[in-house]
Each structure stands twice: as C-alpha cells, then as structure tokens.
PDB file of all heavy atoms in Angstrom:
ATOM      1  N   LEU A   1      -7.967 -83.830  -9.000  1.00  0.00           N
ATOM      2  CA  LEU A   1      -8.865 -83.734  -7.910  1.00  0.00           C
ATOM      3  C   LEU A   1      -8.423 -84.593  -6.710  1.00  0.00           C
ATOM      4  O   LEU A   1      -9.224 -84.733  -5.813  1.00  0.00           O
ATOM      5  CB  LEU A   1     -10.286 -84.124  -8.286  1.00  0.00           C
ATOM      6  CG  LEU A   1     -10.905 -83.305  -9.454  1.00  0.00           C
ATOM      7  CD1 LEU A   1     -12.356 -83.824  -9.776  1.00  0.00           C
ATOM      8  CD2 LEU A   1     -10.947 -81.832  -9.111  1.00  0.00           C
ATOM      9  N   GLU A   2      -7.134 -84.980  -6.732  1.00  0.00           N
ATOM     10  CA  GLU A   2      -6.666 -85.803  -5.578  1.00  0.00           C
ATOM     11  C   GLU A   2      -6.754 -84.891  -4.256  1.00  0.00           C
ATOM     12  O   GLU A   2      -7.092 -85.379  -3.238  1.00  0.00           O
ATOM     13  CB  GLU A   2      -5.241 -86.213  -5.792  1.00  0.00           C
ATOM     14  CG  GLU A   2      -5.119 -87.299  -6.833  1.00  0.00           C
ATOM     15  CD  GLU A   2      -5.493 -88.737  -6.354  1.00  0.00           C
ATOM     16  OE1 GLU A   2      -5.391 -88.908  -5.125  1.00  0.00           O
ATOM     17  OE2 GLU A   2      -5.940 -89.565  -7.156  1.00  0.00           O
ATOM     18  N   TRP A   3      -6.356 -83.654  -4.394  1.00  0.00           N
ATOM     19  CA  TRP A   3      -6.354 -82.760  -3.201  1.00  0.00           C
ATOM     20  C   TRP A   3      -7.778 -82.593  -2.685  1.00  0.00           C
ATOM     21  O   TRP A   3      -8.069 -82.421  -1.552  1.00  0.00           O
ATOM     22  CB  TRP A   3      -5.785 -81.444  -3.647  1.00  0.00           C
ATOM     23  CG  TRP A   3      -6.626 -80.686  -4.664  1.00  0.00           C
ATOM     24  CD1 TRP A   3      -6.615 -80.876  -5.969  1.00  0.00           C
ATOM     25  CD2 TRP A   3      -7.601 -79.778  -4.359  1.00  0.00           C
ATOM     26  NE1 TRP A   3      -7.526 -80.095  -6.653  1.00  0.00           N
ATOM     27  CE2 TRP A   3      -8.138 -79.490  -5.675  1.00  0.00           C
ATOM     28  CE3 TRP A   3      -8.192 -79.126  -3.237  1.00  0.00           C
ATOM     29  CZ2 TRP A   3      -9.185 -78.507  -5.829  1.00  0.00           C
ATOM     30  CZ3 TRP A   3      -9.254 -78.269  -3.360  1.00  0.00           C
ATOM     31  CH2 TRP A   3      -9.698 -77.918  -4.708  1.00  0.00           C
ATOM     32  N   PHE A   4      -8.826 -82.689  -3.548  1.00  0.00           N
ATOM     33  CA  PHE A   4     -10.141 -82.405  -3.171  1.00  0.00           C
ATOM     34  C   PHE A   4     -10.834 -83.658  -2.525  1.00  0.00           C
ATOM     35  O   PHE A   4     -11.476 -83.440  -1.470  1.00  0.00           O
ATOM     36  CB  PHE A   4     -11.035 -82.125  -4.471  1.00  0.00           C
ATOM     37  CG  PHE A   4     -12.378 -81.551  -4.211  1.00  0.00           C
ATOM     38  CD1 PHE A   4     -12.618 -80.153  -4.085  1.00  0.00           C
ATOM     39  CD2 PHE A   4     -13.431 -82.468  -4.115  1.00  0.00           C
ATOM     40  CE1 PHE A   4     -13.868 -79.674  -3.770  1.00  0.00           C
ATOM     41  CE2 PHE A   4     -14.734 -81.937  -3.878  1.00  0.00           C
ATOM     42  CZ  PHE A   4     -14.908 -80.550  -3.633  1.00  0.00           C
ATOM     43  N   TYR A   5     -10.492 -84.812  -2.930  1.00  0.00           N
ATOM     44  CA  TYR A   5     -11.175 -86.063  -2.399  1.00  0.00           C
ATOM     45  C   TYR A   5     -10.248 -86.806  -1.520  1.00  0.00           C
ATOM     46  O   TYR A   5     -10.793 -87.614  -0.768  1.00  0.00           O
ATOM     47  CB  TYR A   5     -11.677 -86.866  -3.548  1.00  0.00           C
ATOM     48  CG  TYR A   5     -12.813 -86.338  -4.301  1.00  0.00           C
ATOM     49  CD1 TYR A   5     -12.621 -85.741  -5.489  1.00  0.00           C
ATOM     50  CD2 TYR A   5     -14.101 -86.377  -3.776  1.00  0.00           C
ATOM     51  CE1 TYR A   5     -13.776 -85.135  -6.147  1.00  0.00           C
ATOM     52  CE2 TYR A   5     -15.211 -85.882  -4.390  1.00  0.00           C
ATOM     53  CZ  TYR A   5     -14.983 -85.229  -5.643  1.00  0.00           C
ATOM     54  OH  TYR A   5     -16.116 -84.687  -6.259  1.00  0.00           O
ATOM     55  N   ARG A   6      -8.893 -86.621  -1.525  1.00  0.00           N
ATOM     56  CA  ARG A   6      -8.033 -87.385  -0.681  1.00  0.00           C
ATOM     57  C   ARG A   6      -7.117 -86.484   0.103  1.00  0.00           C
ATOM     58  O   ARG A   6      -6.464 -86.912   1.126  1.00  0.00           O
ATOM     59  CB  ARG A   6      -7.149 -88.323  -1.518  1.00  0.00           C
ATOM     60  CG  ARG A   6      -7.972 -89.441  -2.182  1.00  0.00           C
ATOM     61  CD  ARG A   6      -7.055 -90.479  -2.689  1.00  0.00           C
ATOM     62  NE  ARG A   6      -7.730 -91.594  -3.342  1.00  0.00           N
ATOM     63  CZ  ARG A   6      -7.761 -91.826  -4.660  1.00  0.00           C
ATOM     64  NH1 ARG A   6      -7.109 -91.097  -5.514  1.00  0.00           N
ATOM     65  NH2 ARG A   6      -8.440 -92.885  -5.128  1.00  0.00           N
ATOM     66  N   GLY A   7      -6.844 -85.157  -0.299  1.00  0.00           N
ATOM     67  CA  GLY A   7      -5.882 -84.420   0.298  1.00  0.00           C
ATOM     68  C   GLY A   7      -6.297 -83.387   1.286  1.00  0.00           C
ATOM     69  O   GLY A   7      -7.286 -83.710   2.143  1.00  0.00           O
ATOM     70  N   ASP A   8      -5.743 -82.229   1.303  1.00  0.00           N
ATOM     71  CA  ASP A   8      -5.910 -81.150   2.310  1.00  0.00           C
ATOM     72  C   ASP A   8      -7.422 -80.733   2.390  1.00  0.00           C
ATOM     73  O   ASP A   8      -7.970 -80.619   3.381  1.00  0.00           O
ATOM     74  CB  ASP A   8      -5.016 -79.979   1.986  1.00  0.00           C
ATOM     75  CG  ASP A   8      -5.258 -78.851   2.950  1.00  0.00           C
ATOM     76  OD1 ASP A   8      -5.001 -79.055   4.102  1.00  0.00           O
ATOM     77  OD2 ASP A   8      -5.762 -77.810   2.566  1.00  0.00           O
ATOM     78  N   PHE A   9      -7.972 -80.508   1.161  1.00  0.00           N
ATOM     79  CA  PHE A   9      -9.404 -80.112   1.221  1.00  0.00           C
ATOM     80  C   PHE A   9     -10.312 -81.141   1.853  1.00  0.00           C
ATOM     81  O   PHE A   9     -11.144 -80.806   2.800  1.00  0.00           O
ATOM     82  CB  PHE A   9      -9.932 -79.803  -0.143  1.00  0.00           C
ATOM     83  CG  PHE A   9     -11.396 -79.414  -0.220  1.00  0.00           C
ATOM     84  CD1 PHE A   9     -11.756 -78.106  -0.057  1.00  0.00           C
ATOM     85  CD2 PHE A   9     -12.347 -80.408  -0.392  1.00  0.00           C
ATOM     86  CE1 PHE A   9     -13.102 -77.602  -0.077  1.00  0.00           C
ATOM     87  CE2 PHE A   9     -13.733 -79.887  -0.343  1.00  0.00           C
ATOM     88  CZ  PHE A   9     -14.044 -78.647  -0.260  1.00  0.00           C
ATOM     89  N   ALA A  10     -10.044 -82.434   1.532  1.00  0.00           N
ATOM     90  CA  ALA A  10     -10.873 -83.488   2.068  1.00  0.00           C
ATOM     91  C   ALA A  10     -10.755 -83.504   3.614  1.00  0.00           C
ATOM     92  O   ALA A  10     -11.810 -83.663   4.330  1.00  0.00           O
ATOM     93  CB  ALA A  10     -10.533 -84.872   1.532  1.00  0.00           C
ATOM     94  N   GLU A  11      -9.563 -83.356   4.094  1.00  0.00           N
ATOM     95  CA  GLU A  11      -9.382 -83.417   5.550  1.00  0.00           C
ATOM     96  C   GLU A  11     -10.070 -82.291   6.281  1.00  0.00           C
ATOM     97  O   GLU A  11     -10.724 -82.527   7.322  1.00  0.00           O
ATOM     98  CB  GLU A  11      -7.863 -83.372   5.904  1.00  0.00           C
ATOM     99  CG  GLU A  11      -7.119 -84.681   5.354  1.00  0.00           C
ATOM    100  CD  GLU A  11      -5.647 -84.593   5.608  1.00  0.00           C
ATOM    101  OE1 GLU A  11      -5.129 -83.467   6.017  1.00  0.00           O
ATOM    102  OE2 GLU A  11      -4.901 -85.530   5.286  1.00  0.00           O
ATOM    103  N   ARG A  12      -9.884 -80.967   5.756  1.00  0.00           N
ATOM    104  CA  ARG A  12     -10.623 -79.927   6.409  1.00  0.00           C
ATOM    105  C   ARG A  12     -12.140 -80.036   6.199  1.00  0.00           C
ATOM    106  O   ARG A  12     -12.818 -79.707   7.118  1.00  0.00           O
ATOM    107  CB  ARG A  12     -10.070 -78.589   5.636  1.00  0.00           C
ATOM    108  CG  ARG A  12      -8.660 -78.377   6.043  1.00  0.00           C
ATOM    109  CD  ARG A  12      -8.183 -76.922   5.507  1.00  0.00           C
ATOM    110  NE  ARG A  12      -8.114 -76.970   4.064  1.00  0.00           N
ATOM    111  CZ  ARG A  12      -8.797 -76.375   3.204  1.00  0.00           C
ATOM    112  NH1 ARG A  12      -9.733 -75.526   3.679  1.00  0.00           N
ATOM    113  NH2 ARG A  12      -8.548 -76.352   1.929  1.00  0.00           N
ATOM    114  N   TYR A  13     -12.643 -80.582   5.149  1.00  0.00           N
ATOM    115  CA  TYR A  13     -14.105 -80.669   4.940  1.00  0.00           C
ATOM    116  C   TYR A  13     -14.617 -81.644   5.988  1.00  0.00           C
ATOM    117  O   TYR A  13     -15.623 -81.437   6.649  1.00  0.00           O
ATOM    118  CB  TYR A  13     -14.353 -81.161   3.510  1.00  0.00           C
ATOM    119  CG  TYR A  13     -15.859 -81.289   3.193  1.00  0.00           C
ATOM    120  CD1 TYR A  13     -16.546 -80.101   2.881  1.00  0.00           C
ATOM    121  CD2 TYR A  13     -16.317 -82.535   3.035  1.00  0.00           C
ATOM    122  CE1 TYR A  13     -17.917 -80.303   2.684  1.00  0.00           C
ATOM    123  CE2 TYR A  13     -17.762 -82.669   2.671  1.00  0.00           C
ATOM    124  CZ  TYR A  13     -18.493 -81.519   2.459  1.00  0.00           C
ATOM    125  OH  TYR A  13     -19.801 -81.661   2.172  1.00  0.00           O
ATOM    126  N   VAL A  14     -13.993 -82.836   6.114  1.00  0.00           N
ATOM    127  CA  VAL A  14     -14.482 -83.972   7.024  1.00  0.00           C
ATOM    128  C   VAL A  14     -14.324 -83.297   8.474  1.00  0.00           C
ATOM    129  O   VAL A  14     -15.345 -83.530   9.245  1.00  0.00           O
ATOM    130  CB  VAL A  14     -13.643 -85.170   6.901  1.00  0.00           C
ATOM    131  CG1 VAL A  14     -14.005 -86.071   8.059  1.00  0.00           C
ATOM    132  CG2 VAL A  14     -13.963 -85.812   5.558  1.00  0.00           C
ATOM    133  N   ALA A  15     -13.349 -82.616   8.781  1.00  0.00           N
ATOM    134  CA  ALA A  15     -13.138 -82.131  10.134  1.00  0.00           C
ATOM    135  C   ALA A  15     -14.279 -81.082  10.443  1.00  0.00           C
ATOM    136  O   ALA A  15     -14.750 -81.088  11.534  1.00  0.00           O
ATOM    137  CB  ALA A  15     -11.809 -81.349  10.234  1.00  0.00           C
ATOM    138  N   CYS A  16     -14.658 -80.181   9.524  1.00  0.00           N
ATOM    139  CA  CYS A  16     -15.739 -79.268   9.739  1.00  0.00           C
ATOM    140  C   CYS A  16     -17.080 -79.933   9.897  1.00  0.00           C
ATOM    141  O   CYS A  16     -17.900 -79.616  10.802  1.00  0.00           O
ATOM    142  CB  CYS A  16     -15.889 -78.342   8.573  1.00  0.00           C
ATOM    143  SG  CYS A  16     -14.544 -77.118   8.448  1.00  0.00           S
ATOM    144  N   VAL A  17     -17.287 -80.982   9.032  1.00  0.00           N
ATOM    145  CA  VAL A  17     -18.593 -81.723   9.134  1.00  0.00           C
ATOM    146  C   VAL A  17     -18.690 -82.488  10.496  1.00  0.00           C
ATOM    147  O   VAL A  17     -19.756 -82.437  11.147  1.00  0.00           O
ATOM    148  CB  VAL A  17     -18.656 -82.743   7.930  1.00  0.00           C
ATOM    149  CG1 VAL A  17     -19.893 -83.637   8.238  1.00  0.00           C
ATOM    150  CG2 VAL A  17     -18.859 -81.936   6.622  1.00  0.00           C
ATOM    151  N   THR A  18     -17.655 -83.161  10.851  1.00  0.00           N
ATOM    152  CA  THR A  18     -17.776 -84.026  12.022  1.00  0.00           C
ATOM    153  C   THR A  18     -17.817 -83.100  13.263  1.00  0.00           C
ATOM    154  O   THR A  18     -18.487 -83.492  14.289  1.00  0.00           O
ATOM    155  CB  THR A  18     -16.577 -84.936  12.201  1.00  0.00           C
ATOM    156  OG1 THR A  18     -15.322 -84.232  12.041  1.00  0.00           O
ATOM    157  CG2 THR A  18     -16.639 -85.989  11.137  1.00  0.00           C
ATOM    158  N   ALA A  19     -17.216 -81.974  13.194  1.00  0.00           N
ATOM    159  CA  ALA A  19     -17.311 -81.028  14.422  1.00  0.00           C
ATOM    160  C   ALA A  19     -18.680 -80.540  14.592  1.00  0.00           C
ATOM    161  O   ALA A  19     -19.027 -80.078  15.709  1.00  0.00           O
ATOM    162  CB  ALA A  19     -16.284 -79.784  14.167  1.00  0.00           C
ATOM    163  N   ASP A  20     -19.461 -80.548  13.581  1.00  0.00           N
ATOM    164  CA  ASP A  20     -20.937 -80.044  13.681  1.00  0.00           C
ATOM    165  C   ASP A  20     -21.881 -81.239  13.727  1.00  0.00           C
ATOM    166  O   ASP A  20     -23.016 -81.138  13.368  1.00  0.00           O
ATOM    167  CB  ASP A  20     -21.179 -79.220  12.512  1.00  0.00           C
ATOM    168  CG  ASP A  20     -22.464 -78.317  12.758  1.00  0.00           C
ATOM    169  OD1 ASP A  20     -22.592 -77.804  13.894  1.00  0.00           O
ATOM    170  OD2 ASP A  20     -23.255 -78.193  11.899  1.00  0.00           O
ATOM    171  N   GLY A  21     -21.397 -82.413  14.177  1.00  0.00           N
ATOM    172  CA  GLY A  21     -22.236 -83.552  14.257  1.00  0.00           C
ATOM    173  C   GLY A  21     -22.366 -84.514  13.177  1.00  0.00           C
ATOM    174  O   GLY A  21     -23.147 -85.502  13.215  1.00  0.00           O
ATOM    175  N   GLY A  22     -21.683 -84.271  12.073  1.00  0.00           N
ATOM    176  CA  GLY A  22     -21.790 -85.184  10.972  1.00  0.00           C
ATOM    177  C   GLY A  22     -21.012 -86.387  11.111  1.00  0.00           C
ATOM    178  O   GLY A  22     -20.216 -86.580  12.035  1.00  0.00           O
ATOM    179  N   ARG A  23     -21.219 -87.338  10.214  1.00  0.00           N
ATOM    180  CA  ARG A  23     -20.615 -88.714  10.281  1.00  0.00           C
ATOM    181  C   ARG A  23     -19.806 -88.945   9.030  1.00  0.00           C
ATOM    182  O   ARG A  23     -19.329 -90.089   8.833  1.00  0.00           O
ATOM    183  CB  ARG A  23     -21.692 -89.780  10.433  1.00  0.00           C
ATOM    184  CG  ARG A  23     -22.544 -89.593  11.737  1.00  0.00           C
ATOM    185  CD  ARG A  23     -23.629 -90.588  11.872  1.00  0.00           C
ATOM    186  NE  ARG A  23     -24.343 -90.460  12.985  1.00  0.00           N
ATOM    187  CZ  ARG A  23     -25.505 -91.091  13.330  1.00  0.00           C
ATOM    188  NH1 ARG A  23     -25.931 -92.063  12.455  1.00  0.00           N
ATOM    189  NH2 ARG A  23     -26.174 -90.888  14.492  1.00  0.00           N
ATOM    190  N   LEU A  24     -19.469 -87.938   8.239  1.00  0.00           N
ATOM    191  CA  LEU A  24     -18.718 -88.168   7.080  1.00  0.00           C
ATOM    192  C   LEU A  24     -17.336 -88.543   7.407  1.00  0.00           C
ATOM    193  O   LEU A  24     -16.745 -88.135   8.387  1.00  0.00           O
ATOM    194  CB  LEU A  24     -18.671 -86.899   6.303  1.00  0.00           C
ATOM    195  CG  LEU A  24     -18.292 -86.941   4.766  1.00  0.00           C
ATOM    196  CD1 LEU A  24     -19.315 -87.646   3.926  1.00  0.00           C
ATOM    197  CD2 LEU A  24     -18.061 -85.514   4.316  1.00  0.00           C
ATOM    198  N   THR A  25     -16.597 -89.440   6.541  1.00  0.00           N
ATOM    199  CA  THR A  25     -15.235 -89.874   6.878  1.00  0.00           C
ATOM    200  C   THR A  25     -14.430 -89.591   5.665  1.00  0.00           C
ATOM    201  O   THR A  25     -14.981 -89.405   4.555  1.00  0.00           O
ATOM    202  CB  THR A  25     -15.238 -91.396   7.140  1.00  0.00           C
ATOM    203  OG1 THR A  25     -15.684 -92.093   5.955  1.00  0.00           O
ATOM    204  CG2 THR A  25     -16.201 -91.698   8.380  1.00  0.00           C
TER     205      THR A  25
END
C-alpha cells in the first residue's frame, strides 16, 4: 500500500481534494 498512501495515488488524491477546496496533505 505504499503507492496508495505515499506514492502516485496519494499525490493524485491530494491534488484533486485541494483543487476543490480541501486541506488534505
């Protein structure tokens, strides 16, 4: 699950959330 919480998925997930006003890092 490294890819999910630290890798590519995590980066894309955070980017989507922050683009919509979220504060997730």
